[in-house]
Structures are given as C-alpha cells and as structure tokens.
Amino acid sequence: ILPSHHNIDSIKDSKKLSEKKRQIVYNNIMDVADVSIGIVSNRTI
C-alpha cells in the first residue's frame, strides 16, 4: 500500500529494472509503504 503522494522514482515492472536499480527502489518503497510478504515453500508447491 503506497502513500497517496509518494515521491519514489522508477516504480515499474521489476523485470524492466537493473538489479542495482531494483535494490534502490526496493529500499525506497520499504521506507514509506505498508509492505507485507507471503512465502510458500517448494514442498507446498
């Protein structure tokens, strides 16, 4: 959930960003957004 008025540059499909750029944008998102991650293991898959 992003803030209504965020100033994060380069938010786009992750596949269109270099690894270095993804890391930067990742940190910027984590700083201001409500973020949650769900993981399902290979065994469950």
PDB file of all heavy atoms in Angstrom:
ATOM      1  N   ILE A   1       0.876  -1.174   0.000  1.00  0.00           N
ATOM      2  CA  ILE A   1       0.000   0.000   0.000  1.00  0.00           C
ATOM      3  C   ILE A   1       0.911   1.221   0.000  1.00  0.00           C
ATOM      4  O   ILE A   1       1.615   1.491   0.979  1.00  0.00           O
ATOM      5  CB  ILE A   1      -0.919   0.034   1.225  1.00  0.00           C
ATOM      6  CG1 ILE A   1      -1.831  -1.200   1.253  1.00  0.00           C
ATOM      7  CG2 ILE A   1      -1.772   1.312   1.212  1.00  0.00           C
ATOM      8  CD1 ILE A   1      -2.733  -1.277   2.489  1.00  0.00           C
ATOM      9  N   LEU A   2       0.929   1.939  -1.106  1.00  0.00           N
ATOM     10  CA  LEU A   2       1.779   3.127  -1.225  1.00  0.00           C
ATOM     11  C   LEU A   2       1.078   4.346  -0.627  1.00  0.00           C
ATOM     12  O   LEU A   2      -0.156   4.438  -0.665  1.00  0.00           O
ATOM     13  CB  LEU A   2       2.089   3.408  -2.696  1.00  0.00           C
ATOM     14  CG  LEU A   2       3.040   2.448  -3.410  1.00  0.00           C
ATOM     15  CD1 LEU A   2       3.036   2.748  -4.913  1.00  0.00           C
ATOM     16  CD2 LEU A   2       4.451   2.537  -2.847  1.00  0.00           C
ATOM     17  N   PRO A   3       1.834   5.293  -0.088  1.00  0.00           N
ATOM     18  CA  PRO A   3       1.237   6.557   0.341  1.00  0.00           C
ATOM     19  C   PRO A   3       0.594   7.250  -0.854  1.00  0.00           C
ATOM     20  O   PRO A   3       1.049   7.088  -1.997  1.00  0.00           O
ATOM     21  CB  PRO A   3       2.438   7.356   0.857  1.00  0.00           C
ATOM     22  CG  PRO A   3       3.504   6.357   1.126  1.00  0.00           C
ATOM     23  CD  PRO A   3       3.292   5.254   0.157  1.00  0.00           C
ATOM     24  N   SER A   4      -0.454   7.998  -0.615  1.00  0.00           N
ATOM     25  CA  SER A   4      -1.174   8.643  -1.717  1.00  0.00           C
ATOM     26  C   SER A   4      -0.297   9.597  -2.509  1.00  0.00           C
ATOM     27  O   SER A   4      -0.438   9.743  -3.714  1.00  0.00           O
ATOM     28  CB  SER A   4      -2.413   9.375  -1.185  1.00  0.00           C
ATOM     29  OG  SER A   4      -2.033  10.295  -0.168  1.00  0.00           O
ATOM     30  N   HIS A   5       0.633  10.245  -1.819  1.00  0.00           N
ATOM     31  CA  HIS A   5       1.535  11.175  -2.504  1.00  0.00           C
ATOM     32  C   HIS A   5       2.974  10.767  -2.203  1.00  0.00           C
ATOM     33  O   HIS A   5       3.594  11.279  -1.277  1.00  0.00           O
ATOM     34  CB  HIS A   5       1.288  12.616  -2.051  1.00  0.00           C
ATOM     35  CG  HIS A   5      -0.102  13.096  -2.312  1.00  0.00           C
ATOM     36  ND1 HIS A   5      -0.576  13.348  -3.581  1.00  0.00           N
ATOM     37  CD2 HIS A   5      -1.134  13.351  -1.465  1.00  0.00           C
ATOM     38  CE1 HIS A   5      -1.833  13.752  -3.507  1.00  0.00           C
ATOM     39  NE2 HIS A   5      -2.202  13.757  -2.238  1.00  0.00           N
ATOM     40  N   HIS A   6       3.477   9.831  -2.979  1.00  0.00           N
ATOM     41  CA  HIS A   6       4.852   9.389  -2.770  1.00  0.00           C
ATOM     42  C   HIS A   6       5.756  10.008  -3.852  1.00  0.00           C
ATOM     43  O   HIS A   6       5.295  10.413  -4.915  1.00  0.00           O
ATOM     44  CB  HIS A   6       4.946   7.867  -2.812  1.00  0.00           C
ATOM     45  CG  HIS A   6       4.648   7.275  -4.165  1.00  0.00           C
ATOM     46  ND1 HIS A   6       5.577   7.228  -5.181  1.00  0.00           N
ATOM     47  CD2 HIS A   6       3.521   6.713  -4.667  1.00  0.00           C
ATOM     48  CE1 HIS A   6       5.056   6.655  -6.238  1.00  0.00           C
ATOM     49  NE2 HIS A   6       3.797   6.338  -5.967  1.00  0.00           N
ATOM     50  N   ASN A   7       7.009  10.061  -3.545  1.00  0.00           N
ATOM     51  CA  ASN A   7       7.977  10.636  -4.486  1.00  0.00           C
ATOM     52  C   ASN A   7       9.010   9.610  -4.927  1.00  0.00           C
ATOM     53  O   ASN A   7      10.171   9.941  -5.176  1.00  0.00           O
ATOM     54  CB  ASN A   7       8.693  11.836  -3.843  1.00  0.00           C
ATOM     55  CG  ASN A   7       7.731  12.978  -3.537  1.00  0.00           C
ATOM     56  OD1 ASN A   7       6.917  13.347  -4.377  1.00  0.00           O
ATOM     57  ND2 ASN A   7       7.830  13.526  -2.328  1.00  0.00           N
ATOM     58  N   ILE A   8       8.592   8.361  -5.011  1.00  0.00           N
ATOM     59  CA  ILE A   8       9.517   7.296  -5.392  1.00  0.00           C
ATOM     60  C   ILE A   8       9.648   7.251  -6.913  1.00  0.00           C
ATOM     61  O   ILE A   8       8.657   7.077  -7.632  1.00  0.00           O
ATOM     62  CB  ILE A   8       9.024   5.931  -4.876  1.00  0.00           C
ATOM     63  CG1 ILE A   8       8.797   5.980  -3.364  1.00  0.00           C
ATOM     64  CG2 ILE A   8      10.034   4.846  -5.220  1.00  0.00           C
ATOM     65  CD1 ILE A   8       8.163   4.729  -2.804  1.00  0.00           C
ATOM     66  N   ASP A   9      10.860   7.405  -7.392  1.00  0.00           N
ATOM     67  CA  ASP A   9      11.116   7.349  -8.825  1.00  0.00           C
ATOM     68  C   ASP A   9      11.320   5.903  -9.280  1.00  0.00           C
ATOM     69  O   ASP A   9      11.681   5.035  -8.482  1.00  0.00           O
ATOM     70  CB  ASP A   9      12.375   8.155  -9.184  1.00  0.00           C
ATOM     71  CG  ASP A   9      12.175   9.644  -8.961  1.00  0.00           C
ATOM     72  OD1 ASP A   9      11.045  10.113  -9.164  1.00  0.00           O
ATOM     73  OD2 ASP A   9      13.145  10.320  -8.570  1.00  0.00           O
ATOM     74  N   SER A  10      11.086   5.676 -10.549  1.00  0.00           N
ATOM     75  CA  SER A  10      11.404   4.398 -11.202  1.00  0.00           C
ATOM     76  C   SER A  10      10.588   3.223 -10.682  1.00  0.00           C
ATOM     77  O   SER A  10      11.070   2.086 -10.691  1.00  0.00           O
ATOM     78  CB  SER A  10      12.898   4.087 -11.074  1.00  0.00           C
ATOM     79  OG  SER A  10      13.680   5.097 -11.655  1.00  0.00           O
ATOM     80  N   ILE A  11       9.373   3.469 -10.229  1.00  0.00           N
ATOM     81  CA  ILE A  11       8.496   2.341  -9.896  1.00  0.00           C
ATOM     82  C   ILE A  11       7.908   1.818 -11.197  1.00  0.00           C
ATOM     83  O   ILE A  11       7.108   2.475 -11.853  1.00  0.00           O
ATOM     84  CB  ILE A  11       7.364   2.754  -8.932  1.00  0.00           C
ATOM     85  CG1 ILE A  11       7.937   3.082  -7.557  1.00  0.00           C
ATOM     86  CG2 ILE A  11       6.348   1.637  -8.804  1.00  0.00           C
ATOM     87  CD1 ILE A  11       6.898   3.389  -6.515  1.00  0.00           C
ATOM     88  N   LYS A  12       8.345   0.615 -11.555  1.00  0.00           N
ATOM     89  CA  LYS A  12       7.863  -0.030 -12.779  1.00  0.00           C
ATOM     90  C   LYS A  12       8.041  -1.527 -12.613  1.00  0.00           C
ATOM     91  O   LYS A  12       8.557  -2.000 -11.594  1.00  0.00           O
ATOM     92  CB  LYS A  12       8.621   0.483 -14.002  1.00  0.00           C
ATOM     93  CG  LYS A  12      10.126   0.240 -13.965  1.00  0.00           C
ATOM     94  CD  LYS A  12      10.832   0.724 -15.224  1.00  0.00           C
ATOM     95  CE  LYS A  12      10.843   2.234 -15.298  1.00  0.00           C
ATOM     96  NZ  LYS A  12      11.636   2.731 -16.468  1.00  0.00           N
ATOM     97  N   ASP A  13       7.611  -2.283 -13.605  1.00  0.00           N
ATOM     98  CA  ASP A  13       7.771  -3.728 -13.568  1.00  0.00           C
ATOM     99  C   ASP A  13       9.221  -4.065 -13.215  1.00  0.00           C
ATOM    100  O   ASP A  13      10.155  -3.536 -13.824  1.00  0.00           O
ATOM    101  CB  ASP A  13       7.399  -4.297 -14.941  1.00  0.00           C
ATOM    102  CG  ASP A  13       7.572  -5.810 -15.027  1.00  0.00           C
ATOM    103  OD1 ASP A  13       7.866  -6.445 -14.000  1.00  0.00           O
ATOM    104  OD2 ASP A  13       7.402  -6.347 -16.142  1.00  0.00           O
ATOM    105  N   SER A  14       9.412  -4.941 -12.236  1.00  0.00           N
ATOM    106  CA  SER A  14      10.758  -5.265 -11.756  1.00  0.00           C
ATOM    107  C   SER A  14      11.669  -5.783 -12.868  1.00  0.00           C
ATOM    108  O   SER A  14      12.888  -5.585 -12.822  1.00  0.00           O
ATOM    109  CB  SER A  14      10.685  -6.295 -10.629  1.00  0.00           C
ATOM    110  OG  SER A  14      10.133  -7.516 -11.101  1.00  0.00           O
ATOM    111  N   LYS A  15      11.076  -6.442 -13.862  1.00  0.00           N
ATOM    112  CA  LYS A  15      11.882  -7.002 -14.951  1.00  0.00           C
ATOM    113  C   LYS A  15      12.483  -5.914 -15.833  1.00  0.00           C
ATOM    114  O   LYS A  15      13.404  -6.175 -16.606  1.00  0.00           O
ATOM    115  CB  LYS A  15      11.021  -7.952 -15.799  1.00  0.00           C
ATOM    116  CG  LYS A  15      10.532  -9.195 -15.038  1.00  0.00           C
ATOM    117  CD  LYS A  15       9.774 -10.140 -15.924  1.00  0.00           C
ATOM    118  CE  LYS A  15       8.412  -9.605 -16.324  1.00  0.00           C
ATOM    119  NZ  LYS A  15       7.502  -9.466 -15.173  1.00  0.00           N
ATOM    120  N   LYS A  16      11.981  -4.695 -15.721  1.00  0.00           N
ATOM    121  CA  LYS A  16      12.486  -3.599 -16.534  1.00  0.00           C
ATOM    122  C   LYS A  16      13.540  -2.758 -15.808  1.00  0.00           C
ATOM    123  O   LYS A  16      13.995  -1.743 -16.331  1.00  0.00           O
ATOM    124  CB  LYS A  16      11.324  -2.700 -16.977  1.00  0.00           C
ATOM    125  CG  LYS A  16      10.344  -3.415 -17.906  1.00  0.00           C
ATOM    126  CD  LYS A  16       9.257  -2.476 -18.394  1.00  0.00           C
ATOM    127  CE  LYS A  16       8.332  -3.186 -19.377  1.00  0.00           C
ATOM    128  NZ  LYS A  16       7.269  -2.284 -19.883  1.00  0.00           N
ATOM    129  N   LEU A  17      13.911  -3.200 -14.615  1.00  0.00           N
ATOM    130  CA  LEU A  17      14.924  -2.502 -13.832  1.00  0.00           C
ATOM    131  C   LEU A  17      16.169  -3.365 -13.704  1.00  0.00           C
ATOM    132  O   LEU A  17      16.075  -4.596 -13.600  1.00  0.00           O
ATOM    133  CB  LEU A  17      14.396  -2.166 -12.437  1.00  0.00           C
ATOM    134  CG  LEU A  17      13.200  -1.211 -12.340  1.00  0.00           C
ATOM    135  CD1 LEU A  17      12.712  -1.149 -10.899  1.00  0.00           C
ATOM    136  CD2 LEU A  17      13.564   0.174 -12.843  1.00  0.00           C
ATOM    137  N   SER A  18      17.318  -2.731 -13.685  1.00  0.00           N
ATOM    138  CA  SER A  18      18.546  -3.470 -13.430  1.00  0.00           C
ATOM    139  C   SER A  18      18.552  -3.933 -11.974  1.00  0.00           C
ATOM    140  O   SER A  18      17.796  -3.416 -11.140  1.00  0.00           O
ATOM    141  CB  SER A  18      19.766  -2.579 -13.689  1.00  0.00           C
ATOM    142  OG  SER A  18      19.814  -1.527 -12.741  1.00  0.00           O
ATOM    143  N   GLU A  19      19.395  -4.893 -11.666  1.00  0.00           N
ATOM    144  CA  GLU A  19      19.457  -5.394 -10.293  1.00  0.00           C
ATOM    145  C   GLU A  19      19.809  -4.266  -9.320  1.00  0.00           C
ATOM    146  O   GLU A  19      19.221  -4.151  -8.243  1.00  0.00           O
ATOM    147  CB  GLU A  19      20.494  -6.511 -10.192  1.00  0.00           C
ATOM    148  CG  GLU A  19      20.603  -7.096  -8.793  1.00  0.00           C
ATOM    149  CD  GLU A  19      21.608  -8.216  -8.696  1.00  0.00           C
ATOM    150  OE1 GLU A  19      22.198  -8.584  -9.741  1.00  0.00           O
ATOM    151  OE2 GLU A  19      21.822  -8.722  -7.579  1.00  0.00           O
ATOM    152  N   LYS A  20      20.764  -3.439  -9.696  1.00  0.00           N
ATOM    153  CA  LYS A  20      21.176  -2.326  -8.838  1.00  0.00           C
ATOM    154  C   LYS A  20      20.027  -1.356  -8.611  1.00  0.00           C
ATOM    155  O   LYS A  20      19.777  -0.908  -7.478  1.00  0.00           O
ATOM    156  CB  LYS A  20      22.357  -1.599  -9.472  1.00  0.00           C
ATOM    157  CG  LYS A  20      22.893  -0.444  -8.627  1.00  0.00           C
ATOM    158  CD  LYS A  20      24.098   0.208  -9.288  1.00  0.00           C
ATOM    159  CE  LYS A  20      24.630   1.366  -8.440  1.00  0.00           C
ATOM    160  NZ  LYS A  20      25.807   2.007  -9.076  1.00  0.00           N
ATOM    161  N   LYS A  21      19.301  -1.027  -9.680  1.00  0.00           N
ATOM    162  CA  LYS A  21      18.184  -0.095  -9.564  1.00  0.00           C
ATOM    163  C   LYS A  21      17.059  -0.695  -8.736  1.00  0.00           C
ATOM    164  O   LYS A  21      16.408   0.003  -7.944  1.00  0.00           O
ATOM    165  CB  LYS A  21      17.670   0.281 -10.959  1.00  0.00           C
ATOM    166  CG  LYS A  21      16.663   1.422 -10.952  1.00  0.00           C
ATOM    167  CD  LYS A  21      17.283   2.723 -10.470  1.00  0.00           C
ATOM    168  CE  LYS A  21      16.323   3.890 -10.578  1.00  0.00           C
ATOM    169  NZ  LYS A  21      16.911   5.149 -10.076  1.00  0.00           N
ATOM    170  N   ARG A  22      16.802  -1.995  -8.903  1.00  0.00           N
ATOM    171  CA  ARG A  22      15.756  -2.666  -8.103  1.00  0.00           C
ATOM    172  C   ARG A  22      16.046  -2.532  -6.622  1.00  0.00           C
ATOM    173  O   ARG A  22      15.150  -2.301  -5.814  1.00  0.00           O
ATOM    174  CB  ARG A  22      15.651  -4.143  -8.483  1.00  0.00           C
ATOM    175  CG  ARG A  22      14.792  -4.436  -9.688  1.00  0.00           C
ATOM    176  CD  ARG A  22      14.363  -5.894  -9.727  1.00  0.00           C
ATOM    177  NE  ARG A  22      15.485  -6.818  -9.694  1.00  0.00           N
ATOM    178  CZ  ARG A  22      16.088  -7.295 -10.766  1.00  0.00           C
ATOM    179  NH1 ARG A  22      15.682  -6.917 -11.973  1.00  0.00           N
ATOM    180  NH2 ARG A  22      17.084  -8.148 -10.667  1.00  0.00           N
ATOM    181  N   GLN A  23      17.320  -2.711  -6.253  1.00  0.00           N
ATOM    182  CA  GLN A  23      17.695  -2.628  -4.847  1.00  0.00           C
ATOM    183  C   GLN A  23      17.409  -1.232  -4.287  1.00  0.00           C
ATOM    184  O   GLN A  23      16.912  -1.087  -3.166  1.00  0.00           O
ATOM    185  CB  GLN A  23      19.191  -2.945  -4.683  1.00  0.00           C
ATOM    186  CG  GLN A  23      19.601  -4.341  -5.123  1.00  0.00           C
ATOM    187  CD  GLN A  23      19.196  -5.415  -4.132  1.00  0.00           C
ATOM    188  OE1 GLN A  23      18.815  -5.123  -3.003  1.00  0.00           O
ATOM    189  NE2 GLN A  23      19.277  -6.659  -4.557  1.00  0.00           N
ATOM    190  N   ILE A  24      17.714  -0.214  -5.078  1.00  0.00           N
ATOM    191  CA  ILE A  24      17.488   1.168  -4.634  1.00  0.00           C
ATOM    192  C   ILE A  24      15.999   1.443  -4.457  1.00  0.00           C
ATOM    193  O   ILE A  24      15.559   1.981  -3.439  1.00  0.00           O
ATOM    194  CB  ILE A  24      18.102   2.156  -5.645  1.00  0.00           C
ATOM    195  CG1 ILE A  24      19.628   2.022  -5.656  1.00  0.00           C
ATOM    196  CG2 ILE A  24      17.684   3.587  -5.309  1.00  0.00           C
ATOM    197  CD1 ILE A  24      20.299   2.814  -6.751  1.00  0.00           C
ATOM    198  N   VAL A  25      15.211   1.057  -5.474  1.00  0.00           N
ATOM    199  CA  VAL A  25      13.768   1.303  -5.406  1.00  0.00           C
ATOM    200  C   VAL A  25      13.137   0.470  -4.295  1.00  0.00           C
ATOM    201  O   VAL A  25      12.227   0.934  -3.590  1.00  0.00           O
ATOM    202  CB  VAL A  25      13.103   1.002  -6.766  1.00  0.00           C
ATOM    203  CG1 VAL A  25      11.601   1.266  -6.693  1.00  0.00           C
ATOM    204  CG2 VAL A  25      13.724   1.848  -7.874  1.00  0.00           C
ATOM    205  N   TYR A  26      13.610  -0.751  -4.111  1.00  0.00           N
ATOM    206  CA  TYR A  26      13.141  -1.618  -3.024  1.00  0.00           C
ATOM    207  C   TYR A  26      13.276  -0.899  -1.683  1.00  0.00           C
ATOM    208  O   TYR A  26      12.328  -0.844  -0.887  1.00  0.00           O
ATOM    209  CB  TYR A  26      13.954  -2.912  -3.031  1.00  0.00           C
ATOM    210  CG  TYR A  26      13.720  -3.840  -1.857  1.00  0.00           C
ATOM    211  CD1 TYR A  26      12.802  -4.879  -1.937  1.00  0.00           C
ATOM    212  CD2 TYR A  26      14.439  -3.688  -0.666  1.00  0.00           C
ATOM    213  CE1 TYR A  26      12.595  -5.745  -0.862  1.00  0.00           C
ATOM    214  CE2 TYR A  26      14.242  -4.541   0.405  1.00  0.00           C
ATOM    215  CZ  TYR A  26      13.324  -5.565   0.301  1.00  0.00           C
ATOM    216  OH  TYR A  26      13.127  -6.410   1.370  1.00  0.00           O
ATOM    217  N   ASN A  27      14.459  -0.356  -1.419  1.00  0.00           N
ATOM    218  CA  ASN A  27      14.695   0.340  -0.152  1.00  0.00           C
ATOM    219  C   ASN A  27      13.792   1.566  -0.008  1.00  0.00           C
ATOM    220  O   ASN A  27      13.275   1.848   1.087  1.00  0.00           O
ATOM    221  CB  ASN A  27      16.157   0.758  -0.048  1.00  0.00           C
ATOM    222  CG  ASN A  27      17.087  -0.430   0.117  1.00  0.00           C
ATOM    223  OD1 ASN A  27      16.699  -1.462   0.645  1.00  0.00           O
ATOM    224  ND2 ASN A  27      18.324  -0.291  -0.345  1.00  0.00           N
ATOM    225  N   ASN A  28      13.591   2.283  -1.107  1.00  0.00           N
ATOM    226  CA  ASN A  28      12.726   3.465  -1.067  1.00  0.00           C
ATOM    227  C   ASN A  28      11.277   3.086  -0.759  1.00  0.00           C
ATOM    228  O   ASN A  28      10.578   3.791  -0.014  1.00  0.00           O
ATOM    229  CB  ASN A  28      12.808   4.216  -2.394  1.00  0.00           C
ATOM    230  CG  ASN A  28      14.154   4.876  -2.617  1.00  0.00           C
ATOM    231  OD1 ASN A  28      14.897   5.122  -1.670  1.00  0.00           O
ATOM    232  ND2 ASN A  28      14.486   5.154  -3.870  1.00  0.00           N
ATOM    233  N   ILE A  29      10.826   1.992  -1.337  1.00  0.00           N
ATOM    234  CA  ILE A  29       9.460   1.530  -1.075  1.00  0.00           C
ATOM    235  C   ILE A  29       9.315   1.109   0.385  1.00  0.00           C
ATOM    236  O   ILE A  29       8.353   1.467   1.069  1.00  0.00           O
ATOM    237  CB  ILE A  29       9.091   0.357  -2.005  1.00  0.00           C
ATOM    238  CG1 ILE A  29       9.033   0.826  -3.462  1.00  0.00           C
ATOM    239  CG2 ILE A  29       7.739  -0.252  -1.599  1.00  0.00           C
ATOM    240  CD1 ILE A  29       8.936  -0.310  -4.468  1.00  0.00           C
ATOM    241  N   MET A  30      10.285   0.346   0.879  1.00  0.00           N
ATOM    242  CA  MET A  30      10.231  -0.147   2.251  1.00  0.00           C
ATOM    243  C   MET A  30      10.230   1.000   3.258  1.00  0.00           C
ATOM    244  O   MET A  30       9.663   0.873   4.351  1.00  0.00           O
ATOM    245  CB  MET A  30      11.417  -1.077   2.524  1.00  0.00           C
ATOM    246  CG  MET A  30      11.402  -2.369   1.726  1.00  0.00           C
ATOM    247  SD  MET A  30      10.006  -3.452   2.127  1.00  0.00           S
ATOM    248  CE  MET A  30      10.421  -3.952   3.793  1.00  0.00           C
ATOM    249  N   ASP A  31      10.831   2.111   2.897  1.00  0.00           N
ATOM    250  CA  ASP A  31      10.915   3.262   3.812  1.00  0.00           C
ATOM    251  C   ASP A  31       9.567   3.941   4.041  1.00  0.00           C
ATOM    252  O   ASP A  31       9.331   4.506   5.120  1.00  0.00           O
ATOM    253  CB  ASP A  31      11.909   4.297   3.271  1.00  0.00           C
ATOM    254  CG  ASP A  31      13.362   3.868   3.462  1.00  0.00           C
ATOM    255  OD1 ASP A  31      13.609   2.965   4.276  1.00  0.00           O
ATOM    256  OD2 ASP A  31      14.238   4.438   2.778  1.00  0.00           O
ATOM    257  N   VAL A  32       8.686   3.905   3.034  1.00  0.00           N
ATOM    258  CA  VAL A  32       7.472   4.727   3.140  1.00  0.00           C
ATOM    259  C   VAL A  32       6.154   3.950   3.032  1.00  0.00           C
ATOM    260  O   VAL A  32       5.100   4.473   3.386  1.00  0.00           O
ATOM    261  CB  VAL A  32       7.474   5.832   2.054  1.00  0.00           C
ATOM    262  CG1 VAL A  32       8.700   6.721   2.192  1.00  0.00           C
ATOM    263  CG2 VAL A  32       7.410   5.231   0.650  1.00  0.00           C
ATOM    264  N   ALA A  33       6.198   2.717   2.564  1.00  0.00           N
ATOM    265  CA  ALA A  33       4.961   1.987   2.269  1.00  0.00           C
ATOM    266  C   ALA A  33       4.618   0.957   3.342  1.00  0.00           C
ATOM    267  O   ALA A  33       5.459   0.568   4.150  1.00  0.00           O
ATOM    268  CB  ALA A  33       5.076   1.307   0.911  1.00  0.00           C
ATOM    269  N   ASP A  34       3.374   0.538   3.332  1.00  0.00           N
ATOM    270  CA  ASP A  34       2.923  -0.598   4.136  1.00  0.00           C
ATOM    271  C   ASP A  34       3.169  -1.839   3.281  1.00  0.00           C
ATOM    272  O   ASP A  34       2.551  -2.024   2.230  1.00  0.00           O
ATOM    273  CB  ASP A  34       1.429  -0.448   4.455  1.00  0.00           C
ATOM    274  CG  ASP A  34       0.911  -1.545   5.376  1.00  0.00           C
ATOM    275  OD1 ASP A  34       1.678  -2.464   5.718  1.00  0.00           O
ATOM    276  OD2 ASP A  34      -0.283  -1.476   5.740  1.00  0.00           O
ATOM    277  N   VAL A  35       4.121  -2.677   3.713  1.00  0.00           N
ATOM    278  CA  VAL A  35       4.567  -3.811   2.889  1.00  0.00           C
ATOM    279  C   VAL A  35       4.448  -5.110   3.675  1.00  0.00           C
ATOM    280  O   VAL A  35       4.772  -5.168   4.867  1.00  0.00           O
ATOM    281  CB  VAL A  35       6.033  -3.624   2.442  1.00  0.00           C
ATOM    282  CG1 VAL A  35       6.519  -4.846   1.665  1.00  0.00           C
ATOM    283  CG2 VAL A  35       6.181  -2.362   1.598  1.00  0.00           C
ATOM    284  N   SER A  36       4.000  -6.143   2.998  1.00  0.00           N
ATOM    285  CA  SER A  36       3.937  -7.471   3.607  1.00  0.00           C
ATOM    286  C   SER A  36       4.339  -8.500   2.556  1.00  0.00           C
ATOM    287  O   SER A  36       4.073  -8.320   1.366  1.00  0.00           O
ATOM    288  CB  SER A  36       2.532  -7.770   4.128  1.00  0.00           C
ATOM    289  OG  SER A  36       2.458  -9.093   4.634  1.00  0.00           O
ATOM    290  N   ILE A  37       4.992  -9.563   3.014  1.00  0.00           N
ATOM    291  CA  ILE A  37       5.476 -10.602   2.102  1.00  0.00           C
ATOM    292  C   ILE A  37       4.914 -11.953   2.523  1.00  0.00           C
ATOM    293  O   ILE A  37       4.912 -12.293   3.709  1.00  0.00           O
ATOM    294  CB  ILE A  37       7.013 -10.645   2.099  1.00  0.00           C
ATOM    295  CG1 ILE A  37       7.572  -9.348   1.499  1.00  0.00           C
ATOM    296  CG2 ILE A  37       7.535 -11.849   1.311  1.00  0.00           C
ATOM    297  CD1 ILE A  37       9.057  -9.177   1.672  1.00  0.00           C
ATOM    298  N   GLY A  38       4.442 -12.727   1.544  1.00  0.00           N
ATOM    299  CA  GLY A  38       3.968 -14.084   1.781  1.00  0.00           C
ATOM    300  C   GLY A  38       4.832 -15.072   1.033  1.00  0.00           C
ATOM    301  O   GLY A  38       5.162 -14.853  -0.130  1.00  0.00           O
ATOM    302  N   ILE A  39       5.224 -16.154   1.697  1.00  0.00           N
ATOM    303  CA  ILE A  39       6.106 -17.157   1.090  1.00  0.00           C
ATOM    304  C   ILE A  39       5.473 -18.540   1.198  1.00  0.00           C
ATOM    305  O   ILE A  39       4.977 -18.921   2.260  1.00  0.00           O
ATOM    306  CB  ILE A  39       7.480 -17.170   1.782  1.00  0.00           C
ATOM    307  CG1 ILE A  39       8.143 -15.793   1.681  1.00  0.00           C
ATOM    308  CG2 ILE A  39       8.386 -18.240   1.177  1.00  0.00           C
ATOM    309  CD1 ILE A  39       9.445 -15.684   2.463  1.00  0.00           C
ATOM    310  N   VAL A  40       5.501 -19.283   0.098  1.00  0.00           N
ATOM    311  CA  VAL A  40       5.025 -20.670   0.095  1.00  0.00           C
ATOM    312  C   VAL A  40       6.171 -21.551  -0.404  1.00  0.00           C
ATOM    313  O   VAL A  40       6.740 -21.296  -1.470  1.00  0.00           O
ATOM    314  CB  VAL A  40       3.785 -20.844  -0.798  1.00  0.00           C
ATOM    315  CG1 VAL A  40       3.415 -22.316  -0.925  1.00  0.00           C
ATOM    316  CG2 VAL A  40       2.620 -20.056  -0.223  1.00  0.00           C
ATOM    317  N   SER A  41       6.519 -22.565   0.367  1.00  0.00           N
ATOM    318  CA  SER A  41       7.699 -23.380   0.091  1.00  0.00           C
ATOM    319  C   SER A  41       7.510 -24.302  -1.100  1.00  0.00           C
ATOM    320  O   SER A  41       6.388 -24.568  -1.550  1.00  0.00           O
ATOM    321  CB  SER A  41       8.039 -24.232   1.318  1.00  0.00           C
ATOM    322  OG  SER A  41       7.071 -25.272   1.469  1.00  0.00           O
ATOM    323  N   ASN A  42       8.642 -24.838  -1.579  1.00  0.00           N
ATOM    324  CA  ASN A  42       8.595 -25.775  -2.696  1.00  0.00           C
ATOM    325  C   ASN A  42       7.820 -27.041  -2.335  1.00  0.00           C
ATOM    326  O   ASN A  42       7.170 -27.654  -3.187  1.00  0.00           O
ATOM    327  CB  ASN A  42      10.009 -26.131  -3.158  1.00  0.00           C
ATOM    328  CG  ASN A  42      10.785 -26.922  -2.116  1.00  0.00           C
ATOM    329  OD1 ASN A  42      11.074 -26.407  -1.039  1.00  0.00           O
ATOM    330  ND2 ASN A  42      11.110 -28.161  -2.415  1.00  0.00           N
ATOM    331  N   ARG A  43       7.880 -27.437  -1.076  1.00  0.00           N
ATOM    332  CA  ARG A  43       7.149 -28.645  -0.663  1.00  0.00           C
ATOM    333  C   ARG A  43       5.636 -28.442  -0.789  1.00  0.00           C
ATOM    334  O   ARG A  43       4.912 -29.336  -1.220  1.00  0.00           O
ATOM    335  CB  ARG A  43       7.523 -29.020   0.776  1.00  0.00           C
ATOM    336  CG  ARG A  43       8.930 -29.581   0.903  1.00  0.00           C
ATOM    337  CD  ARG A  43       9.265 -29.914   2.351  1.00  0.00           C
ATOM    338  NE  ARG A  43      10.574 -30.525   2.453  1.00  0.00           N
ATOM    339  CZ  ARG A  43      10.824 -31.816   2.341  1.00  0.00           C
ATOM    340  NH1 ARG A  43       9.827 -32.651   2.106  1.00  0.00           N
ATOM    341  NH2 ARG A  43      12.050 -32.288   2.457  1.00  0.00           N
ATOM    342  N   THR A  44       5.177 -27.274  -0.393  1.00  0.00           N
ATOM    343  CA  THR A  44       3.755 -26.979  -0.525  1.00  0.00           C
ATOM    344  C   THR A  44       3.366 -26.854  -1.997  1.00  0.00           C
ATOM    345  O   THR A  44       2.286 -27.292  -2.403  1.00  0.00           O
ATOM    346  CB  THR A  44       3.399 -25.684   0.227  1.00  0.00           C
ATOM    347  OG1 THR A  44       3.738 -25.837   1.613  1.00  0.00           O
ATOM    348  CG2 THR A  44       1.918 -25.370   0.106  1.00  0.00           C
ATOM    349  N   ILE A  45       4.250 -26.270  -2.794  1.00  0.00           N
ATOM    350  CA  ILE A  45       4.002 -26.166  -4.233  1.00  0.00           C
ATOM    351  C   ILE A  45       3.784 -27.558  -4.825  1.00  0.00           C
ATOM    352  O   ILE A  45       2.872 -27.771  -5.627  1.00  0.00           O
ATOM    353  CB  ILE A  45       5.171 -25.464  -4.947  1.00  0.00           C
ATOM    354  CG1 ILE A  45       5.253 -23.997  -4.528  1.00  0.00           C
ATOM    355  CG2 ILE A  45       5.026 -25.562  -6.473  1.00  0.00           C
ATOM    356  CD1 ILE A  45       6.511 -23.279  -4.995  1.00  0.00           C
TER     357      ILE A  45
END
